[in-house]
PDB file of N, CA and C in Angstrom:
ATOM      1  N   MET A   1      70.835 -82.422 -98.303  1.00  0.00           N
ATOM      2  CA  MET A   1      70.623 -82.808 -96.877  1.00  0.00           C
ATOM      3  C   MET A   1      70.326 -81.552 -95.999  1.00  0.00           C
ATOM      4  N   HIS A   2      71.288 -80.666 -96.348  1.00  0.00           N
ATOM      5  CA  HIS A   2      71.319 -79.405 -95.446  1.00  0.00           C
ATOM      6  C   HIS A   2      69.927 -78.639 -95.789  1.00  0.00           C
ATOM      7  N   ILE A   3      69.416 -78.635 -96.975  1.00  0.00           N
ATOM      8  CA  ILE A   3      68.023 -77.944 -97.161  1.00  0.00           C
ATOM      9  C   ILE A   3      66.994 -78.572 -96.465  1.00  0.00           C
ATOM     10  N   LYS A   4      67.013 -79.855 -96.388  1.00  0.00           N
ATOM     11  CA  LYS A   4      66.057 -80.571 -95.595  1.00  0.00           C
ATOM     12  C   LYS A   4      66.026 -80.380 -94.251  1.00  0.00           C
ATOM     13  N   LYS A   5      67.243 -80.318 -93.719  1.00  0.00           N
ATOM     14  CA  LYS A   5      67.434 -79.981 -92.224  1.00  0.00           C
ATOM     15  C   LYS A   5      67.034 -78.663 -91.919  1.00  0.00           C
ATOM     16  N   ASN A   6      67.385 -77.645 -92.680  1.00  0.00           N
ATOM     17  CA  ASN A   6      67.125 -76.173 -92.387  1.00  0.00           C
ATOM     18  C   ASN A   6      65.513 -76.107 -92.440  1.00  0.00           C
ATOM     19  N   PHE A   7      64.913 -76.704 -93.467  1.00  0.00           N
ATOM     20  CA  PHE A   7      63.463 -76.583 -93.722  1.00  0.00           C
ATOM     21  C   PHE A   7      62.829 -77.178 -92.612  1.00  0.00           C
ATOM     22  N   MET A   8      63.312 -78.329 -92.131  1.00  0.00           N
ATOM     23  CA  MET A   8      62.648 -78.945 -90.937  1.00  0.00           C
ATOM     24  C   MET A   8      62.870 -78.240 -89.522  1.00  0.00           C
ATOM     25  N   ASP A   9      64.029 -77.715 -89.512  1.00  0.00           N
ATOM     26  CA  ASP A   9      64.400 -76.708 -88.277  1.00  0.00           C
ATOM     27  C   ASP A   9      63.404 -75.612 -88.269  1.00  0.00           C
ATOM     28  N   ASN A  10      63.207 -74.828 -89.391  1.00  0.00           N
ATOM     29  CA  ASN A  10      62.320 -73.974 -89.555  1.00  0.00           C
ATOM     30  C   ASN A  10      60.914 -74.175 -89.147  1.00  0.00           C
ATOM     31  N   ILE A  11      60.341 -75.287 -89.615  1.00  0.00           N
ATOM     32  CA  ILE A  11      59.068 -75.657 -89.459  1.00  0.00           C
ATOM     33  C   ILE A  11      58.815 -75.950 -87.999  1.00  0.00           C
ATOM     34  N   PHE A  12      59.768 -76.783 -87.441  1.00  0.00           N
ATOM     35  CA  PHE A  12      59.705 -77.112 -85.967  1.00  0.00           C
ATOM     36  C   PHE A  12      59.721 -75.813 -85.152  1.00  0.00           C
ATOM     37  N   ASN A  13      60.589 -74.882 -85.465  1.00  0.00           N
ATOM     38  CA  ASN A  13      60.796 -73.603 -84.583  1.00  0.00           C
ATOM     39  C   ASN A  13      59.336 -72.691 -84.789  1.00  0.00           C
ATOM     40  N   ILE A  14      58.705 -72.792 -85.898  1.00  0.00           N
ATOM     41  CA  ILE A  14      57.537 -71.991 -86.035  1.00  0.00           C
ATOM     42  C   ILE A  14      56.335 -72.788 -85.196  1.00  0.00           C
ATOM     43  N   ILE A  15      56.148 -73.928 -85.442  1.00  0.00           N
ATOM     44  CA  ILE A  15      55.122 -74.630 -84.646  1.00  0.00           C
ATOM     45  C   ILE A  15      55.385 -74.637 -83.144  1.00  0.00           C
ATOM     46  N   MET A  16      56.629 -74.859 -82.710  1.00  0.00           N
ATOM     47  CA  MET A  16      56.957 -74.741 -81.274  1.00  0.00           C
ATOM     48  C   MET A  16      56.932 -73.431 -80.727  1.00  0.00           C
ATOM     49  N   ASP A  17      56.919 -72.495 -81.585  1.00  0.00           N
ATOM     50  CA  ASP A  17      57.292 -71.087 -81.065  1.00  0.00           C
ATOM     51  C   ASP A  17      58.402 -70.904 -80.230  1.00  0.00           C
ATOM     52  N   VAL A  18      59.353 -71.151 -80.851  1.00  0.00           N
ATOM     53  CA  VAL A  18      60.729 -71.026 -80.268  1.00  0.00           C
ATOM     54  C   VAL A  18      61.170 -69.641 -80.257  1.00  0.00           C
ATOM     55  N   LYS A  19      61.393 -68.964 -79.104  1.00  0.00           N
ATOM     56  CA  LYS A  19      61.719 -67.612 -79.154  1.00  0.00           C
ATOM     57  C   LYS A  19      63.046 -67.337 -79.931  1.00  0.00           C
ATOM     58  N   TYR A  20      63.188 -66.317 -80.670  1.00  0.00           N
ATOM     59  CA  TYR A  20      64.379 -65.727 -81.546  1.00  0.00           C
ATOM     60  C   TYR A  20      64.632 -66.780 -82.515  1.00  0.00           C
ATOM     61  N   LYS A  21      64.060 -67.774 -82.774  1.00  0.00           N
ATOM     62  CA  LYS A  21      64.182 -68.681 -83.930  1.00  0.00           C
ATOM     63  C   LYS A  21      63.125 -68.846 -85.008  1.00  0.00           C
ATOM     64  N   SER A  22      61.854 -68.385 -84.389  1.00  0.00           N
ATOM     65  CA  SER A  22      60.806 -68.564 -85.269  1.00  0.00           C
ATOM     66  C   SER A  22      60.861 -67.490 -86.374  1.00  0.00           C
ATOM     67  N   LYS A  23      60.222 -67.818 -87.491  1.00  0.00           N
ATOM     68  CA  LYS A  23      60.358 -66.747 -88.668  1.00  0.00           C
ATOM     69  C   LYS A  23      59.007 -65.938 -88.620  1.00  0.00           C
ATOM     70  N   ASP A  24      58.162 -66.282 -87.584  1.00  0.00           N
ATOM     71  CA  ASP A  24      56.913 -65.495 -87.331  1.00  0.00           C
ATOM     72  C   ASP A  24      57.092 -64.214 -86.433  1.00  0.00           C
ATOM     73  N   ASN A  25      57.266 -63.079 -87.040  1.00  0.00           N
ATOM     74  CA  ASN A  25      57.752 -61.972 -86.284  1.00  0.00           C
ATOM     75  C   ASN A  25      56.904 -60.669 -86.454  1.00  0.00           C
ATOM     76  N   VAL A  26      57.137 -59.743 -86.055  1.00  0.00           N
ATOM     77  CA  VAL A  26      56.329 -58.551 -86.001  1.00  0.00           C
ATOM     78  C   VAL A  26      56.279 -58.068 -87.505  1.00  0.00           C
ATOM     79  N   LYS A  27      57.319 -58.066 -88.290  1.00  0.00           N
ATOM     80  CA  LYS A  27      57.400 -57.586 -89.549  1.00  0.00           C
ATOM     81  C   LYS A  27      56.449 -58.488 -90.432  1.00  0.00           C
ATOM     82  N   ILE A  28      56.566 -59.758 -90.197  1.00  0.00           N
ATOM     83  CA  ILE A  28      55.707 -60.639 -91.169  1.00  0.00           C
ATOM     84  C   ILE A  28      54.277 -60.471 -90.750  1.00  0.00           C
ATOM     85  N   ARG A  29      53.849 -60.231 -89.401  1.00  0.00           N
ATOM     86  CA  ARG A  29      52.572 -59.952 -88.970  1.00  0.00           C
ATOM     87  C   ARG A  29      52.026 -58.588 -89.776  1.00  0.00           C
ATOM     88  N   MET A  30      52.892 -57.591 -89.849  1.00  0.00           N
ATOM     89  CA  MET A  30      52.619 -56.263 -90.466  1.00  0.00           C
ATOM     90  C   MET A  30      52.158 -56.532 -91.853  1.00  0.00           C
ATOM     91  N   ASP A  31      52.996 -57.424 -92.535  1.00  0.00           N
ATOM     92  CA  ASP A  31      52.628 -57.756 -93.954  1.00  0.00           C
ATOM     93  C   ASP A  31      51.349 -58.627 -94.134  1.00  0.00           C
ATOM     94  N   ILE A  32      51.061 -59.215 -93.218  1.00  0.00           N
ATOM     95  CA  ILE A  32      49.850 -60.163 -93.079  1.00  0.00           C
ATOM     96  C   ILE A  32      48.764 -59.210 -93.105  1.00  0.00           C
ATOM     97  N   LYS A  33      48.732 -58.149 -92.309  1.00  0.00           N
ATOM     98  CA  LYS A  33      47.729 -57.099 -92.221  1.00  0.00           C
ATOM     99  C   LYS A  33      47.678 -56.605 -93.626  1.00  0.00           C
ATOM    100  N   GLU A  34      48.661 -56.149 -94.407  1.00  0.00           N
ATOM    101  CA  GLU A  34      48.587 -55.446 -95.696  1.00  0.00           C
ATOM    102  C   GLU A  34      48.074 -56.378 -96.637  1.00  0.00           C
ATOM    103  N   TYR A  35      48.554 -57.416 -96.838  1.00  0.00           N
ATOM    104  CA  TYR A  35      48.393 -58.356 -97.997  1.00  0.00           C
ATOM    105  C   TYR A  35      47.204 -59.431 -97.765  1.00  0.00           C
ATOM    106  N   CYS A  36      47.224 -60.019 -96.687  1.00  0.00           N
ATOM    107  CA  CYS A  36      46.447 -61.105 -96.533  1.00  0.00           C
ATOM    108  C   CYS A  36      45.004 -60.802 -95.962  1.00  0.00           C
ATOM    109  N   ARG A  37      44.967 -59.871 -95.039  1.00  0.00           N
ATOM    110  CA  ARG A  37      43.573 -59.526 -94.568  1.00  0.00           C
ATOM    111  C   ARG A  37      43.013 -60.354 -93.689  1.00  0.00           C
ATOM    112  N   GLN A  38      43.898 -61.120 -92.959  1.00  0.00           N
ATOM    113  CA  GLN A  38      43.317 -61.990 -91.942  1.00  0.00           C
ATOM    114  C   GLN A  38      43.348 -61.451 -90.548  1.00  0.00           C
ATOM    115  N   LYS A  39      42.090 -61.170 -89.971  1.00  0.00           N
ATOM    116  CA  LYS A  39      41.882 -60.574 -88.886  1.00  0.00           C
ATOM    117  C   LYS A  39      42.559 -61.232 -87.623  1.00  0.00           C
ATOM    118  N   ASN A  40      42.528 -62.547 -87.659  1.00  0.00           N
ATOM    119  CA  ASN A  40      42.847 -63.307 -86.470  1.00  0.00           C
ATOM    120  C   ASN A  40      44.507 -63.263 -86.333  1.00  0.00           C
ATOM    121  N   MET A  41      45.199 -62.890 -87.270  1.00  0.00           N
ATOM    122  CA  MET A  41      46.646 -63.006 -87.254  1.00  0.00           C
ATOM    123  C   MET A  41      47.276 -61.484 -87.244  1.00  0.00           C
ATOM    124  N   GLU A  42      46.427 -60.578 -87.236  1.00  0.00           N
ATOM    125  CA  GLU A  42      46.958 -59.254 -87.093  1.00  0.00           C
ATOM    126  C   GLU A  42      47.418 -58.715 -85.780  1.00  0.00           C
ATOM    127  N   LEU A  43      48.370 -57.897 -85.705  1.00  0.00           N
ATOM    128  CA  LEU A  43      49.017 -57.301 -84.449  1.00  0.00           C
ATOM    129  C   LEU A  43      47.945 -56.580 -83.703  1.00  0.00           C
ATOM    130  N   VAL A  44      47.895 -56.755 -82.250  1.00  0.00           N
ATOM    131  CA  VAL A  44      46.712 -56.213 -81.357  1.00  0.00           C
ATOM    132  C   VAL A  44      47.591 -55.060 -80.628  1.00  0.00           C
ATOM    133  N   THR A  45      47.029 -53.780 -80.475  1.00  0.00           N
ATOM    134  CA  THR A  45      47.624 -52.820 -79.644  1.00  0.00           C
ATOM    135  C   THR A  45      46.716 -52.959 -78.192  1.00  0.00           C
ATOM    136  N   THR A  46      47.393 -52.973 -77.253  1.00  0.00           N
ATOM    137  CA  THR A  46      46.709 -53.123 -75.839  1.00  0.00           C
ATOM    138  C   THR A  46      46.598 -51.550 -75.260  1.00  0.00           C
ATOM    139  N   ILE A  47      46.014 -51.721 -74.318  1.00  0.00           N
ATOM    140  CA  ILE A  47      45.540 -50.325 -73.511  1.00  0.00           C
ATOM    141  C   ILE A  47      46.727 -49.431 -73.251  1.00  0.00           C
ATOM    142  N   ASP A  48      47.750 -50.183 -72.887  1.00  0.00           N
ATOM    143  CA  ASP A  48      49.171 -49.339 -72.568  1.00  0.00           C
ATOM    144  C   ASP A  48      49.941 -49.122 -73.756  1.00  0.00           C
ATOM    145  N   ASP A  49      49.520 -49.190 -74.901  1.00  0.00           N
ATOM    146  CA  ASP A  49      50.297 -48.884 -76.216  1.00  0.00           C
ATOM    147  C   ASP A  49      51.420 -50.063 -76.416  1.00  0.00           C
ATOM    148  N   LYS A  50      51.207 -51.196 -76.018  1.00  0.00           N
ATOM    149  CA  LYS A  50      51.945 -52.356 -76.446  1.00  0.00           C
ATOM    150  C   LYS A  50      51.544 -53.049 -77.570  1.00  0.00           C
ATOM    151  N   ILE A  51      52.374 -53.515 -78.434  1.00  0.00           N
ATOM    152  CA  ILE A  51      52.006 -54.260 -79.504  1.00  0.00           C
ATOM    153  C   ILE A  51      52.078 -55.824 -79.067  1.00  0.00           C
ATOM    154  N   MET A  52      50.975 -56.456 -79.485  1.00  0.00           N
ATOM    155  CA  MET A  52      50.867 -57.892 -79.036  1.00  0.00           C
ATOM    156  C   MET A  52      50.710 -58.689 -80.279  1.00  0.00           C
ATOM    157  N   LYS A  53      51.518 -59.826 -80.430  1.00  0.00           N
ATOM    158  CA  LYS A  53      51.339 -60.684 -81.501  1.00  0.00           C
ATOM    159  C   LYS A  53      50.396 -61.895 -81.056  1.00  0.00           C
ATOM    160  N   PRO A  54      49.164 -62.150 -81.369  1.00  0.00           N
ATOM    161  CA  PRO A  54      48.278 -63.106 -80.998  1.00  0.00           C
ATOM    162  C   PRO A  54      48.831 -64.461 -81.530  1.00  0.00           C
ATOM    163  N   LYS A  55      48.629 -65.584 -80.822  1.00  0.00           N
ATOM    164  CA  LYS A  55      49.029 -66.782 -81.175  1.00  0.00           C
ATOM    165  C   LYS A  55      48.301 -67.383 -82.491  1.00  0.00           C
ATOM    166  N   ALA A  56      49.057 -67.934 -83.322  1.00  0.00           N
ATOM    167  CA  ALA A  56      48.494 -68.422 -84.472  1.00  0.00           C
ATOM    168  C   ALA A  56      47.717 -69.792 -84.238  1.00  0.00           C
ATOM    169  N   SER A  57      46.899 -69.983 -85.068  1.00  0.00           N
ATOM    170  CA  SER A  57      46.189 -71.422 -84.845  1.00  0.00           C
ATOM    171  C   SER A  57      46.958 -72.653 -84.966  1.00  0.00           C
ATOM    172  N   TYR A  58      48.185 -72.606 -85.572  1.00  0.00           N
ATOM    173  CA  TYR A  58      49.040 -73.621 -85.759  1.00  0.00           C
ATOM    174  C   TYR A  58      49.905 -74.029 -84.819  1.00  0.00           C
ATOM    175  N   TYR A  59      49.997 -72.995 -83.555  1.00  0.00           N
ATOM    176  CA  TYR A  59      50.966 -73.169 -82.632  1.00  0.00           C
ATOM    177  C   TYR A  59      50.507 -74.110 -81.579  1.00  0.00           C
ATOM    178  N   PHE A  60      51.304 -74.994 -80.938  1.00  0.00           N
ATOM    179  CA  PHE A  60      50.994 -75.830 -80.027  1.00  0.00           C
ATOM    180  C   PHE A  60      50.602 -75.190 -78.926  1.00  0.00           C
ATOM    181  N   THR A  61      49.674 -75.612 -77.976  1.00  0.00           N
ATOM    182  CA  THR A  61      49.370 -75.023 -76.689  1.00  0.00           C
ATOM    183  C   THR A  61      50.359 -75.714 -75.827  1.00  0.00           C
ATOM    184  N   LEU A  62      50.595 -75.167 -74.580  1.00  0.00           N
ATOM    185  CA  LEU A  62      51.451 -75.726 -73.623  1.00  0.00           C
ATOM    186  C   LEU A  62      51.158 -77.151 -73.242  1.00  0.00           C
ATOM    187  N   GLU A  63      50.019 -77.422 -73.105  1.00  0.00           N
ATOM    188  CA  GLU A  63      49.533 -78.895 -72.932  1.00  0.00           C
ATOM    189  C   GLU A  63      50.072 -79.787 -73.712  1.00  0.00           C
ATOM    190  N   LYS A  64      49.994 -79.427 -75.125  1.00  0.00           N
ATOM    191  CA  LYS A  64      50.347 -80.130 -76.298  1.00  0.00           C
ATOM    192  C   LYS A  64      51.861 -80.361 -76.172  1.00  0.00           C
ATOM    193  N   ILE A  65      52.665 -79.310 -75.853  1.00  0.00           N
ATOM    194  CA  ILE A  65      54.048 -79.416 -76.073  1.00  0.00           C
ATOM    195  C   ILE A  65      54.496 -80.381 -74.931  1.00  0.00           C
ATOM    196  N   LYS A  66      53.857 -80.163 -73.703  1.00  0.00           N
ATOM    197  CA  LYS A  66      54.289 -81.063 -72.569  1.00  0.00           C
ATOM    198  C   LYS A  66      54.086 -82.452 -72.860  1.00  0.00           C
ATOM    199  N   ILE A  67      52.897 -82.941 -73.517  1.00  0.00           N
ATOM    200  CA  ILE A  67      52.488 -84.304 -74.038  1.00  0.00           C
ATOM    201  C   ILE A  67      53.544 -84.879 -74.964  1.00  0.00           C
ATOM    202  N   ASN A  68      54.014 -83.949 -75.879  1.00  0.00           N
ATOM    203  CA  ASN A  68      54.938 -84.477 -76.957  1.00  0.00           C
ATOM    204  C   ASN A  68      56.294 -84.478 -76.561  1.00  0.00           C
ATOM    205  N   MET A  69      56.668 -84.021 -75.424  1.00  0.00           N
ATOM    206  CA  MET A  69      58.165 -84.004 -75.031  1.00  0.00           C
ATOM    207  C   MET A  69      58.349 -85.224 -74.261  1.00  0.00           C
TER     208      MET A  69
END
């Protein structure tokens, strides 16, 4: 039972992009760049040298989150 709950919690946190609970972080994005070569998932460096993590295609938009709540 606990394995199912933990699994579902992790999936929910990833899809809803819950801050500090999602498994999608900077280290994983660096690995994606190295191993998967998916350009749409790679980290982006802005003009002022900040690292930005673009939203993945499986995240809900703000409108979808409001509809589902």
